[in-house]
Amino acid sequence: MKANTPKNDSPRIRRENKTISVMLQLFCNDNHHTAKDTLCDECEALLSYALRRIDRCPYQTDKPTCAKCPIHCYHKDRREEMKKVMRYSGPRMIHRHPLLAILHILEGFRKVKDIRKKKL
């Protein structure tokens, strides 16, 4: 996996990056039959895209889970790819990475303020 140096190095953003990385590894290893801790080119590109989106998130440390976010910053095709990854990896995370899974679930209960500018 390529290293990502986020603009915001807060624990929240680091954990979000780790969670998406682990989810993609689970998906890729099981579905694309890659070696442990490696990704195919397609999944590597999706991970790079996701990490850029997290890095540019306007919420930063107040970032909600993507499912709860009022701002959909993923391109439609990438969002569908990521949904597929999350549907597969989500249920498996509790067994393989329980702490990350529980923290991600708890983040889903966070109240989200819509920061988009409202037109008058």
N, C-alpha and C. Protein backbone atom coordinates (compact mmCIF):
# COMPACT_ATOMS: atom_id res chain seq x y z
N MET A 1 0.84 -1.19 0.00
CA MET A 1 0.00 0.00 0.00
C MET A 1 0.88 1.24 0.00
N LYS A 2 0.44 2.25 -0.68
CA LYS A 2 1.17 3.50 -0.72
C LYS A 2 0.87 4.31 0.52
N ALA A 3 1.87 5.03 0.99
CA ALA A 3 1.69 5.86 2.18
C ALA A 3 0.88 7.10 1.80
N ASN A 4 0.05 7.53 2.72
CA ASN A 4 -0.72 8.74 2.52
C ASN A 4 -0.38 9.68 3.67
N THR A 5 -0.03 10.88 3.34
CA THR A 5 0.27 11.86 4.36
C THR A 5 -0.86 12.88 4.35
N PRO A 6 -1.81 12.72 5.26
CA PRO A 6 -2.96 13.63 5.25
C PRO A 6 -2.59 15.02 5.74
N LYS A 7 -3.37 16.01 5.28
CA LYS A 7 -3.19 17.38 5.76
C LYS A 7 -3.52 17.45 7.24
N ASN A 8 -4.56 16.76 7.63
CA ASN A 8 -5.00 16.75 9.02
C ASN A 8 -4.60 15.41 9.63
N ASP A 9 -3.69 15.44 10.57
CA ASP A 9 -3.17 14.21 11.16
C ASP A 9 -3.81 13.95 12.52
N SER A 10 -5.08 14.29 12.68
CA SER A 10 -5.77 14.07 13.94
C SER A 10 -6.03 12.58 14.13
N PRO A 11 -6.21 12.13 15.36
CA PRO A 11 -6.53 10.72 15.60
C PRO A 11 -7.79 10.28 14.85
N ARG A 12 -8.78 11.13 14.76
CA ARG A 12 -10.03 10.80 14.06
C ARG A 12 -9.78 10.52 12.59
N ILE A 13 -9.00 11.37 11.94
CA ILE A 13 -8.72 11.20 10.51
C ILE A 13 -7.80 10.00 10.29
N ARG A 14 -6.83 9.79 11.16
CA ARG A 14 -5.95 8.61 11.05
C ARG A 14 -6.77 7.32 11.17
N ARG A 15 -7.72 7.30 12.10
CA ARG A 15 -8.55 6.12 12.28
C ARG A 15 -9.45 5.90 11.06
N GLU A 16 -9.99 6.96 10.51
CA GLU A 16 -10.83 6.85 9.31
C GLU A 16 -10.00 6.28 8.15
N ASN A 17 -8.79 6.77 7.98
CA ASN A 17 -7.89 6.26 6.94
C ASN A 17 -7.59 4.78 7.16
N LYS A 18 -7.32 4.41 8.40
CA LYS A 18 -7.02 3.01 8.73
C LYS A 18 -8.24 2.13 8.46
N THR A 19 -9.41 2.58 8.84
CA THR A 19 -10.64 1.80 8.64
C THR A 19 -10.88 1.53 7.17
N ILE A 20 -10.79 2.55 6.34
CA ILE A 20 -11.04 2.35 4.91
C ILE A 20 -9.96 1.48 4.29
N SER A 21 -8.73 1.61 4.76
CA SER A 21 -7.64 0.77 4.25
C SER A 21 -7.88 -0.70 4.58
N VAL A 22 -8.27 -0.97 5.82
CA VAL A 22 -8.52 -2.34 6.25
C VAL A 22 -9.72 -2.93 5.50
N MET A 23 -10.77 -2.14 5.32
CA MET A 23 -11.95 -2.63 4.61
C MET A 23 -11.60 -3.00 3.17
N LEU A 24 -10.82 -2.17 2.53
CA LEU A 24 -10.42 -2.46 1.15
C LEU A 24 -9.51 -3.68 1.08
N GLN A 25 -8.63 -3.84 2.06
CA GLN A 25 -7.77 -5.03 2.08
C GLN A 25 -8.60 -6.30 2.23
N LEU A 26 -9.56 -6.29 3.14
CA LEU A 26 -10.43 -7.46 3.32
C LEU A 26 -11.14 -7.80 2.00
N PHE A 27 -11.72 -6.79 1.40
CA PHE A 27 -12.46 -6.99 0.15
C PHE A 27 -11.55 -7.52 -0.94
N CYS A 28 -10.43 -6.87 -1.15
CA CYS A 28 -9.52 -7.23 -2.24
C CYS A 28 -8.91 -8.62 -2.02
N ASN A 29 -8.43 -8.87 -0.81
CA ASN A 29 -7.83 -10.17 -0.52
C ASN A 29 -8.82 -11.31 -0.75
N ASP A 30 -10.05 -11.14 -0.33
CA ASP A 30 -11.05 -12.20 -0.45
C ASP A 30 -11.67 -12.30 -1.84
N ASN A 31 -11.85 -11.18 -2.52
CA ASN A 31 -12.54 -11.19 -3.81
C ASN A 31 -11.62 -11.18 -5.02
N HIS A 32 -10.46 -10.57 -4.88
CA HIS A 32 -9.51 -10.50 -5.99
C HIS A 32 -8.32 -11.43 -5.76
N HIS A 33 -8.39 -12.16 -4.65
CA HIS A 33 -7.39 -13.18 -4.31
C HIS A 33 -5.96 -12.66 -4.30
N THR A 34 -5.79 -11.48 -3.73
CA THR A 34 -4.46 -10.90 -3.59
C THR A 34 -3.83 -11.40 -2.29
N ALA A 35 -2.52 -11.28 -2.20
CA ALA A 35 -1.82 -11.70 -0.99
C ALA A 35 -2.18 -10.77 0.16
N LYS A 36 -2.06 -11.29 1.39
CA LYS A 36 -2.37 -10.50 2.57
C LYS A 36 -1.57 -9.20 2.55
N ASP A 37 -2.21 -8.10 2.97
CA ASP A 37 -1.60 -6.77 3.04
C ASP A 37 -1.22 -6.21 1.67
N THR A 38 -1.83 -6.73 0.60
CA THR A 38 -1.61 -6.14 -0.72
C THR A 38 -2.95 -5.89 -1.37
N LEU A 39 -2.95 -5.00 -2.34
CA LEU A 39 -4.16 -4.68 -3.09
C LEU A 39 -3.87 -4.81 -4.58
N CYS A 40 -4.89 -5.16 -5.35
CA CYS A 40 -4.76 -5.14 -6.80
C CYS A 40 -4.72 -3.68 -7.24
N ASP A 41 -4.40 -3.45 -8.48
CA ASP A 41 -4.30 -2.07 -8.99
C ASP A 41 -5.62 -1.31 -8.87
N GLU A 42 -6.73 -2.01 -9.15
CA GLU A 42 -8.05 -1.37 -9.08
C GLU A 42 -8.37 -0.93 -7.65
N CYS A 43 -8.11 -1.79 -6.69
CA CYS A 43 -8.40 -1.46 -5.29
C CYS A 43 -7.41 -0.42 -4.76
N GLU A 44 -6.19 -0.47 -5.23
CA GLU A 44 -5.19 0.53 -4.85
C GLU A 44 -5.63 1.91 -5.32
N ALA A 45 -6.17 1.98 -6.53
CA ALA A 45 -6.67 3.26 -7.06
C ALA A 45 -7.87 3.74 -6.25
N LEU A 46 -8.76 2.82 -5.87
CA LEU A 46 -9.93 3.20 -5.07
C LEU A 46 -9.49 3.69 -3.69
N LEU A 47 -8.52 3.02 -3.09
CA LEU A 47 -8.00 3.45 -1.79
C LEU A 47 -7.38 4.85 -1.89
N SER A 48 -6.59 5.06 -2.89
CA SER A 48 -5.97 6.38 -3.09
C SER A 48 -7.03 7.46 -3.23
N TYR A 49 -8.08 7.17 -3.99
CA TYR A 49 -9.19 8.11 -4.17
C TYR A 49 -9.88 8.38 -2.84
N ALA A 50 -10.17 7.32 -2.09
CA ALA A 50 -10.87 7.46 -0.80
C ALA A 50 -10.03 8.27 0.19
N LEU A 51 -8.74 8.02 0.23
CA LEU A 51 -7.87 8.77 1.15
C LEU A 51 -7.80 10.25 0.78
N ARG A 52 -7.81 10.54 -0.51
CA ARG A 52 -7.85 11.95 -0.95
C ARG A 52 -9.16 12.61 -0.53
N ARG A 53 -10.27 11.88 -0.67
CA ARG A 53 -11.58 12.42 -0.28
C ARG A 53 -11.61 12.69 1.23
N ILE A 54 -11.09 11.78 2.03
CA ILE A 54 -11.04 11.99 3.48
C ILE A 54 -10.18 13.19 3.80
N ASP A 55 -9.05 13.30 3.13
CA ASP A 55 -8.13 14.40 3.38
C ASP A 55 -8.76 15.76 3.05
N ARG A 56 -9.64 15.77 2.05
CA ARG A 56 -10.27 17.02 1.62
C ARG A 56 -11.64 17.26 2.24
N CYS A 57 -12.05 16.39 3.14
CA CYS A 57 -13.36 16.51 3.76
C CYS A 57 -13.50 17.85 4.49
N PRO A 58 -14.55 18.60 4.20
CA PRO A 58 -14.71 19.89 4.87
C PRO A 58 -15.00 19.77 6.36
N TYR A 59 -15.44 18.61 6.81
CA TYR A 59 -15.73 18.41 8.23
C TYR A 59 -14.46 18.18 9.07
N GLN A 60 -13.44 17.61 8.45
CA GLN A 60 -12.18 17.27 9.11
C GLN A 60 -12.40 16.48 10.40
N THR A 61 -12.01 16.98 11.56
CA THR A 61 -12.10 16.19 12.78
C THR A 61 -13.55 15.92 13.19
N ASP A 62 -14.49 16.66 12.67
CA ASP A 62 -15.91 16.42 12.94
C ASP A 62 -16.54 15.54 11.86
N LYS A 63 -15.70 14.91 11.06
CA LYS A 63 -16.17 14.11 9.94
C LYS A 63 -17.10 13.00 10.39
N PRO A 64 -18.30 12.94 9.80
CA PRO A 64 -19.20 11.83 10.09
C PRO A 64 -18.82 10.62 9.24
N THR A 65 -19.46 9.50 9.47
CA THR A 65 -19.27 8.38 8.55
C THR A 65 -19.88 8.79 7.21
N CYS A 66 -19.36 8.24 6.15
CA CYS A 66 -19.83 8.63 4.82
C CYS A 66 -21.33 8.39 4.64
N ALA A 67 -21.84 7.32 5.23
CA ALA A 67 -23.26 7.01 5.10
C ALA A 67 -24.14 8.09 5.72
N LYS A 68 -23.65 8.79 6.72
CA LYS A 68 -24.43 9.83 7.41
C LYS A 68 -24.13 11.24 6.90
N CYS A 69 -23.19 11.36 6.00
CA CYS A 69 -22.75 12.68 5.56
C CYS A 69 -23.73 13.31 4.57
N PRO A 70 -24.10 14.58 4.78
CA PRO A 70 -25.00 15.25 3.84
C PRO A 70 -24.28 15.68 2.55
N ILE A 71 -22.95 15.68 2.57
CA ILE A 71 -22.17 16.06 1.39
C ILE A 71 -21.62 14.78 0.77
N HIS A 72 -22.06 14.44 -0.41
CA HIS A 72 -21.54 13.23 -1.05
C HIS A 72 -20.40 13.63 -1.98
N CYS A 73 -19.18 13.49 -1.48
CA CYS A 73 -18.01 13.98 -2.21
C CYS A 73 -17.43 12.95 -3.17
N TYR A 74 -17.90 11.69 -3.11
CA TYR A 74 -17.42 10.68 -4.03
C TYR A 74 -18.17 10.82 -5.36
N HIS A 75 -17.46 10.62 -6.45
CA HIS A 75 -18.09 10.55 -7.77
C HIS A 75 -19.04 9.35 -7.74
N LYS A 76 -20.12 9.40 -8.47
CA LYS A 76 -21.16 8.37 -8.42
C LYS A 76 -20.59 6.95 -8.61
N ASP A 77 -19.72 6.77 -9.59
CA ASP A 77 -19.15 5.43 -9.85
C ASP A 77 -18.30 4.96 -8.67
N ARG A 78 -17.50 5.86 -8.12
CA ARG A 78 -16.64 5.51 -6.98
C ARG A 78 -17.49 5.22 -5.74
N ARG A 79 -18.57 5.95 -5.58
CA ARG A 79 -19.46 5.72 -4.43
C ARG A 79 -20.06 4.32 -4.50
N GLU A 80 -20.46 3.89 -5.70
CA GLU A 80 -21.01 2.54 -5.88
C GLU A 80 -19.95 1.47 -5.60
N GLU A 81 -18.72 1.71 -6.05
CA GLU A 81 -17.63 0.77 -5.76
C GLU A 81 -17.41 0.67 -4.25
N MET A 82 -17.39 1.81 -3.58
CA MET A 82 -17.14 1.82 -2.14
C MET A 82 -18.30 1.17 -1.38
N LYS A 83 -19.52 1.35 -1.83
CA LYS A 83 -20.66 0.69 -1.19
C LYS A 83 -20.49 -0.83 -1.27
N LYS A 84 -20.05 -1.31 -2.41
CA LYS A 84 -19.82 -2.74 -2.60
C LYS A 84 -18.75 -3.24 -1.62
N VAL A 85 -17.68 -2.48 -1.48
CA VAL A 85 -16.61 -2.84 -0.55
C VAL A 85 -17.14 -2.85 0.88
N MET A 86 -17.88 -1.84 1.26
CA MET A 86 -18.38 -1.72 2.63
C MET A 86 -19.43 -2.79 2.94
N ARG A 87 -20.27 -3.12 1.98
CA ARG A 87 -21.27 -4.18 2.19
C ARG A 87 -20.58 -5.52 2.45
N TYR A 88 -19.48 -5.75 1.76
CA TYR A 88 -18.75 -7.00 1.95
C TYR A 88 -17.94 -6.97 3.25
N SER A 89 -17.17 -5.92 3.44
CA SER A 89 -16.22 -5.86 4.55
C SER A 89 -16.86 -5.53 5.89
N GLY A 90 -17.91 -4.74 5.88
CA GLY A 90 -18.54 -4.31 7.12
C GLY A 90 -18.85 -5.44 8.09
N PRO A 91 -19.60 -6.45 7.65
CA PRO A 91 -19.92 -7.55 8.57
C PRO A 91 -18.69 -8.34 9.02
N ARG A 92 -17.66 -8.37 8.22
CA ARG A 92 -16.45 -9.13 8.55
C ARG A 92 -15.52 -8.36 9.48
N MET A 93 -15.68 -7.06 9.53
CA MET A 93 -14.81 -6.21 10.36
C MET A 93 -14.95 -6.56 11.84
N ILE A 94 -16.14 -6.88 12.29
CA ILE A 94 -16.35 -7.15 13.72
C ILE A 94 -15.54 -8.36 14.17
N HIS A 95 -15.29 -9.30 13.28
CA HIS A 95 -14.50 -10.49 13.62
C HIS A 95 -13.00 -10.28 13.42
N ARG A 96 -12.65 -9.54 12.38
CA ARG A 96 -11.23 -9.40 12.04
C ARG A 96 -10.57 -8.16 12.64
N HIS A 97 -11.35 -7.10 12.83
CA HIS A 97 -10.84 -5.85 13.39
C HIS A 97 -11.91 -5.25 14.29
N PRO A 98 -12.19 -5.89 15.42
CA PRO A 98 -13.33 -5.48 16.26
C PRO A 98 -13.25 -4.04 16.77
N LEU A 99 -12.10 -3.58 17.16
CA LEU A 99 -11.99 -2.22 17.68
C LEU A 99 -12.34 -1.19 16.62
N LEU A 100 -11.76 -1.33 15.43
CA LEU A 100 -12.09 -0.40 14.34
C LEU A 100 -13.57 -0.47 14.00
N ALA A 101 -14.13 -1.67 13.99
CA ALA A 101 -15.54 -1.83 13.66
C ALA A 101 -16.43 -1.13 14.68
N ILE A 102 -16.15 -1.34 15.94
CA ILE A 102 -16.96 -0.73 17.01
C ILE A 102 -16.84 0.79 16.98
N LEU A 103 -15.64 1.29 16.80
CA LEU A 103 -15.46 2.75 16.74
C LEU A 103 -16.18 3.34 15.54
N HIS A 104 -16.17 2.63 14.42
CA HIS A 104 -16.86 3.11 13.22
C HIS A 104 -18.38 3.12 13.45
N ILE A 105 -18.88 2.08 14.10
CA ILE A 105 -20.31 2.03 14.41
C ILE A 105 -20.69 3.18 15.33
N LEU A 106 -19.88 3.43 16.34
CA LEU A 106 -20.15 4.54 17.27
C LEU A 106 -20.12 5.88 16.55
N GLU A 107 -19.21 6.05 15.60
CA GLU A 107 -19.15 7.29 14.83
C GLU A 107 -20.45 7.52 14.06
N GLY A 108 -21.12 6.45 13.69
CA GLY A 108 -22.39 6.56 12.97
C GLY A 108 -23.50 7.20 13.78
N PHE A 109 -23.34 7.22 15.11
CA PHE A 109 -24.35 7.85 15.98
C PHE A 109 -24.10 9.34 16.19
N ARG A 110 -22.97 9.82 15.70
CA ARG A 110 -22.62 11.23 15.86
C ARG A 110 -23.61 12.10 15.09
N LYS A 111 -24.05 13.17 15.72
CA LYS A 111 -24.95 14.11 15.04
C LYS A 111 -24.12 14.90 14.02
N VAL A 112 -24.73 15.11 12.87
CA VAL A 112 -24.03 15.76 11.78
C VAL A 112 -24.68 17.10 11.48
N LYS A 113 -23.89 18.13 11.50
CA LYS A 113 -24.37 19.45 11.12
C LYS A 113 -24.13 19.63 9.62
N ASP A 114 -25.13 20.05 8.89
CA ASP A 114 -24.99 20.28 7.47
C ASP A 114 -24.27 21.61 7.26
N ILE A 115 -23.05 21.55 6.76
CA ILE A 115 -22.25 22.76 6.62
C ILE A 115 -22.35 23.38 5.23
N ARG A 116 -23.17 22.79 4.37
CA ARG A 116 -23.34 23.36 3.01
C ARG A 116 -24.00 24.72 3.13
N LYS A 117 -23.60 25.61 2.26
CA LYS A 117 -24.20 26.94 2.25
C LYS A 117 -25.62 26.85 1.71
N LYS A 118 -26.53 27.48 2.40
CA LYS A 118 -27.93 27.46 1.97
C LYS A 118 -28.22 28.68 1.11
N LYS A 119 -28.91 28.45 0.01
CA LYS A 119 -29.28 29.55 -0.88
C LYS A 119 -30.54 30.20 -0.35
N LEU A 120 -30.57 31.51 -0.37
CA LEU A 120 -31.75 32.25 0.07
C LEU A 120 -32.58 32.71 -1.09
